C-alpha atoms as a PDB file:
ATOM      1  CA  UNK A   1      12.495  -3.795 -10.515  1.00  0.00           C
ATOM      2  CA  UNK A   2       9.391  -3.263 -12.603  1.00  0.00           C
ATOM      3  CA  UNK A   3       7.044  -0.703 -11.040  1.00  0.00           C
ATOM      4  CA  UNK A   4       3.876  -2.049  -9.464  1.00  0.00           C
ATOM      5  CA  UNK A   5       0.981  -1.274 -11.795  1.00  0.00           C
ATOM      6  CA  UNK A   6      -2.671  -1.962 -11.117  1.00  0.00           C
ATOM      7  CA  UNK A   7      -5.462  -2.490 -13.593  1.00  0.00           C
ATOM      8  CA  UNK A   8      -8.207   0.135 -13.756  1.00  0.00           C
ATOM      9  CA  UNK A   9     -10.473  -2.194 -11.748  1.00  0.00           C
ATOM     10  CA  UNK A  10      -7.823  -2.780  -9.077  1.00  0.00           C
ATOM     11  CA  UNK A  11      -7.050   0.935  -8.864  1.00  0.00           C
ATOM     12  CA  UNK A  12     -10.746   1.742  -8.438  1.00  0.00           C
ATOM     13  CA  UNK A  13     -11.132  -0.947  -5.751  1.00  0.00           C
ATOM     14  CA  UNK A  14      -8.067   0.214  -3.809  1.00  0.00           C
ATOM     15  CA  UNK A  15      -9.100   3.869  -4.018  1.00  0.00           C
ATOM     16  CA  UNK A  16     -12.535   2.780  -2.805  1.00  0.00           C
ATOM     17  CA  UNK A  17     -10.909   1.309   0.304  1.00  0.00           C
ATOM     18  CA  UNK A  18      -8.973   4.528   0.983  1.00  0.00           C
ATOM     19  CA  UNK A  19     -11.951   6.891   0.797  1.00  0.00           C
ATOM     20  CA  UNK A  20     -13.858   5.596   3.870  1.00  0.00           C
ATOM     21  CA  UNK A  21     -10.607   5.224   5.816  1.00  0.00           C
ATOM     22  CA  UNK A  22      -9.643   8.845   5.222  1.00  0.00           C
ATOM     23  CA  UNK A  23     -13.200   9.986   5.924  1.00  0.00           C
ATOM     24  CA  UNK A  24     -13.472   8.026   9.192  1.00  0.00           C
ATOM     25  CA  UNK A  25      -9.936   8.522  10.515  1.00  0.00           C
ATOM     26  CA  UNK A  26      -9.050  11.995   9.247  1.00  0.00           C
ATOM     27  CA  UNK A  27     -12.402  13.528   8.321  1.00  0.00           C
ATOM     28  CA  UNK A  28     -11.064  14.073   4.803  1.00  0.00           C
ATOM     29  CA  UNK A  29     -13.138  13.387   1.709  1.00  0.00           C
ATOM     30  CA  UNK A  30     -10.926  11.992  -1.047  1.00  0.00           C
ATOM     31  CA  UNK A  31     -12.164  12.419  -4.583  1.00  0.00           C
ATOM     32  CA  UNK A  32     -11.303   9.988  -7.371  1.00  0.00           C
ATOM     33  CA  UNK A  33      -8.137  11.655  -8.695  1.00  0.00           C
ATOM     34  CA  UNK A  34      -6.466  12.320  -5.306  1.00  0.00           C
ATOM     35  CA  UNK A  35      -7.332   8.782  -4.145  1.00  0.00           C
ATOM     36  CA  UNK A  36      -5.831   7.290  -7.308  1.00  0.00           C
ATOM     37  CA  UNK A  37      -2.755   9.496  -6.972  1.00  0.00           C
ATOM     38  CA  UNK A  38      -2.349   8.275  -3.393  1.00  0.00           C
ATOM     39  CA  UNK A  39      -2.592   4.660  -4.584  1.00  0.00           C
ATOM     40  CA  UNK A  40       0.102   5.367  -7.187  1.00  0.00           C
ATOM     41  CA  UNK A  41       2.326   6.944  -4.526  1.00  0.00           C
ATOM     42  CA  UNK A  42       1.838   4.045  -2.106  1.00  0.00           C
ATOM     43  CA  UNK A  43       2.512   1.504  -4.844  1.00  0.00           C
ATOM     44  CA  UNK A  44       5.675   3.300  -5.906  1.00  0.00           C
ATOM     45  CA  UNK A  45       7.106   4.192  -2.493  1.00  0.00           C
ATOM     46  CA  UNK A  46       5.759   1.549  -0.101  1.00  0.00           C
ATOM     47  CA  UNK A  47       4.704  -1.265  -2.409  1.00  0.00           C
ATOM     48  CA  UNK A  48       8.242  -2.670  -2.773  1.00  0.00           C
ATOM     49  CA  UNK A  49       8.376  -3.339   0.987  1.00  0.00           C
ATOM     50  CA  UNK A  50       5.165  -5.398   0.812  1.00  0.00           C
ATOM     51  CA  UNK A  51       6.314  -7.092  -2.392  1.00  0.00           C
ATOM     52  CA  UNK A  52       9.661  -8.069  -0.878  1.00  0.00           C
ATOM     53  CA  UNK A  53       7.995  -9.366   2.294  1.00  0.00           C
ATOM     54  CA  UNK A  54       5.714 -11.532   0.158  1.00  0.00           C
ATOM     55  CA  UNK A  55       8.763 -12.876  -1.702  1.00  0.00           C
ATOM     56  CA  UNK A  56      10.495 -13.732   1.584  1.00  0.00           C
ATOM     57  CA  UNK A  57       7.358 -15.484   2.819  1.00  0.00           C
ATOM     58  CA  UNK A  58       7.014 -17.422  -0.434  1.00  0.00           C
ATOM     59  CA  UNK A  59      10.690 -18.390  -0.294  1.00  0.00           C
ATOM     60  CA  UNK A  60      10.216 -19.731   3.246  1.00  0.00           C
ATOM     61  CA  UNK A  61       7.237 -21.839   2.117  1.00  0.00           C
ATOM     62  CA  UNK A  62       9.193 -23.253  -0.819  1.00  0.00           C
ATOM     63  CA  UNK A  63      12.211 -23.995   1.401  1.00  0.00           C
ATOM     64  CA  UNK A  64       9.991 -25.823   3.913  1.00  0.00           C
ATOM     65  CA  UNK A  65       8.353 -27.867   1.146  1.00  0.00           C
ATOM     66  CA  UNK A  66      11.783 -28.730  -0.281  1.00  0.00           C
ATOM     67  CA  UNK A  67      12.893 -29.862   3.169  1.00  0.00           C
ATOM     68  CA  UNK A  68       9.743 -31.997   3.526  1.00  0.00           C
ATOM     69  CA  UNK A  69      10.383 -33.584   0.117  1.00  0.00           C
ATOM     70  CA  UNK A  70      14.029 -34.302   1.002  1.00  0.00           C
ATOM     71  CA  UNK A  71      12.913 -35.988   4.224  1.00  0.00           C
ATOM     72  CA  UNK A  72      10.287 -38.027   2.352  1.00  0.00           C
ATOM     73  CA  UNK A  73      12.899 -39.162  -0.167  1.00  0.00           C
ATOM     74  CA  UNK A  74      15.280 -40.104   2.635  1.00  0.00           C
ATOM     75  CA  UNK A  75      12.443 -42.133   4.170  1.00  0.00           C
ATOM     76  CA  UNK A  76      12.249 -44.171   0.955  1.00  0.00           C
ATOM     77  CA  UNK A  77      15.839 -45.372   1.244  1.00  0.00           C
ATOM     78  CA  UNK A  78      16.219 -49.109   1.535  1.00  0.00           C
ATOM     79  CA  UNK A  79      18.562 -50.922   3.858  1.00  0.00           C
ATOM     80  CA  UNK A  80      21.539 -52.454   2.145  1.00  0.00           C
END
Protein backbone atom coordinates (compact mmCIF):
# COMPACT_ATOMS: atom_id res chain seq x y z
CA UNK A 1 0.00 0.00 0.00
CA UNK A 2 1.19 3.50 -0.78
CA UNK A 3 2.07 5.44 2.37
CA UNK A 4 -0.35 8.16 3.42
CA UNK A 5 1.20 11.52 2.55
CA UNK A 6 -0.24 14.91 3.35
CA UNK A 7 0.34 18.19 1.59
CA UNK A 8 2.19 20.92 3.49
CA UNK A 9 -1.15 22.65 4.14
CA UNK A 10 -2.77 19.46 5.44
CA UNK A 11 0.24 18.68 7.62
CA UNK A 12 0.15 22.19 9.10
CA UNK A 13 -3.61 21.93 9.74
CA UNK A 14 -3.34 18.51 11.40
CA UNK A 15 -0.39 19.59 13.55
CA UNK A 16 -2.43 22.65 14.50
CA UNK A 17 -5.16 20.35 15.82
CA UNK A 18 -2.66 18.33 17.87
CA UNK A 19 -1.04 21.28 19.64
CA UNK A 20 -4.09 22.43 21.67
CA UNK A 21 -5.05 18.82 22.41
CA UNK A 22 -1.63 18.04 23.86
CA UNK A 23 -1.58 21.35 25.73
CA UNK A 24 -5.06 20.86 27.24
CA UNK A 25 -4.92 17.11 27.93
CA UNK A 26 -1.26 16.56 28.78
CA UNK A 27 0.05 20.04 29.55
CA UNK A 28 2.67 19.55 26.83
CA UNK A 29 3.57 22.27 24.35
CA UNK A 30 4.30 20.73 20.95
CA UNK A 31 6.47 22.75 18.62
CA UNK A 32 6.18 22.53 14.84
CA UNK A 33 8.72 19.76 14.18
CA UNK A 34 7.58 17.36 16.95
CA UNK A 35 3.92 17.92 15.98
CA UNK A 36 4.70 17.17 12.33
CA UNK A 37 6.73 14.12 13.31
CA UNK A 38 3.77 12.90 15.37
CA UNK A 39 1.47 13.39 12.37
CA UNK A 40 3.88 11.36 10.22
CA UNK A 41 3.97 8.60 12.84
CA UNK A 42 0.17 8.50 13.17
CA UNK A 43 -0.26 8.46 9.40
CA UNK A 44 2.24 5.63 9.02
CA UNK A 45 1.23 3.46 11.99
CA UNK A 46 -2.45 4.21 12.59
CA UNK A 47 -3.58 5.75 9.32
CA UNK A 48 -4.04 2.38 7.57
CA UNK A 49 -6.69 1.39 10.14
CA UNK A 50 -8.70 4.55 9.39
CA UNK A 51 -8.12 4.15 5.65
CA UNK A 52 -9.31 0.54 5.68
CA UNK A 53 -12.38 1.43 7.74
CA UNK A 54 -13.25 4.13 5.21
CA UNK A 55 -12.88 1.57 2.39
CA UNK A 56 -15.19 -0.87 4.19
CA UNK A 57 -17.75 1.90 4.72
CA UNK A 58 -17.53 2.96 1.08
CA UNK A 59 -17.90 -0.65 -0.04
CA UNK A 60 -21.05 -1.01 2.07
CA UNK A 61 -22.54 2.14 0.49
CA UNK A 62 -21.76 0.89 -3.01
CA UNK A 63 -23.21 -2.55 -2.23
CA UNK A 64 -26.42 -0.98 -0.90
CA UNK A 65 -26.74 1.24 -3.98
CA UNK A 66 -26.17 -1.78 -6.24
CA UNK A 67 -28.89 -3.65 -4.36
CA UNK A 68 -31.26 -0.68 -4.75
CA UNK A 69 -30.54 -0.54 -8.49
CA UNK A 70 -31.12 -4.29 -8.87
CA UNK A 71 -34.47 -3.95 -7.09
CA UNK A 72 -35.43 -0.98 -9.28
CA UNK A 73 -34.57 -2.95 -12.41
CA UNK A 74 -36.60 -5.91 -11.17
CA UNK A 75 -39.50 -3.51 -10.62
CA UNK A 76 -39.37 -2.60 -14.32
CA UNK A 77 -40.02 -6.17 -15.44
CA UNK A 78 -43.17 -6.63 -17.45
CA UNK A 79 -45.64 -9.45 -17.09
CA UNK A 80 -45.51 -11.97 -19.88
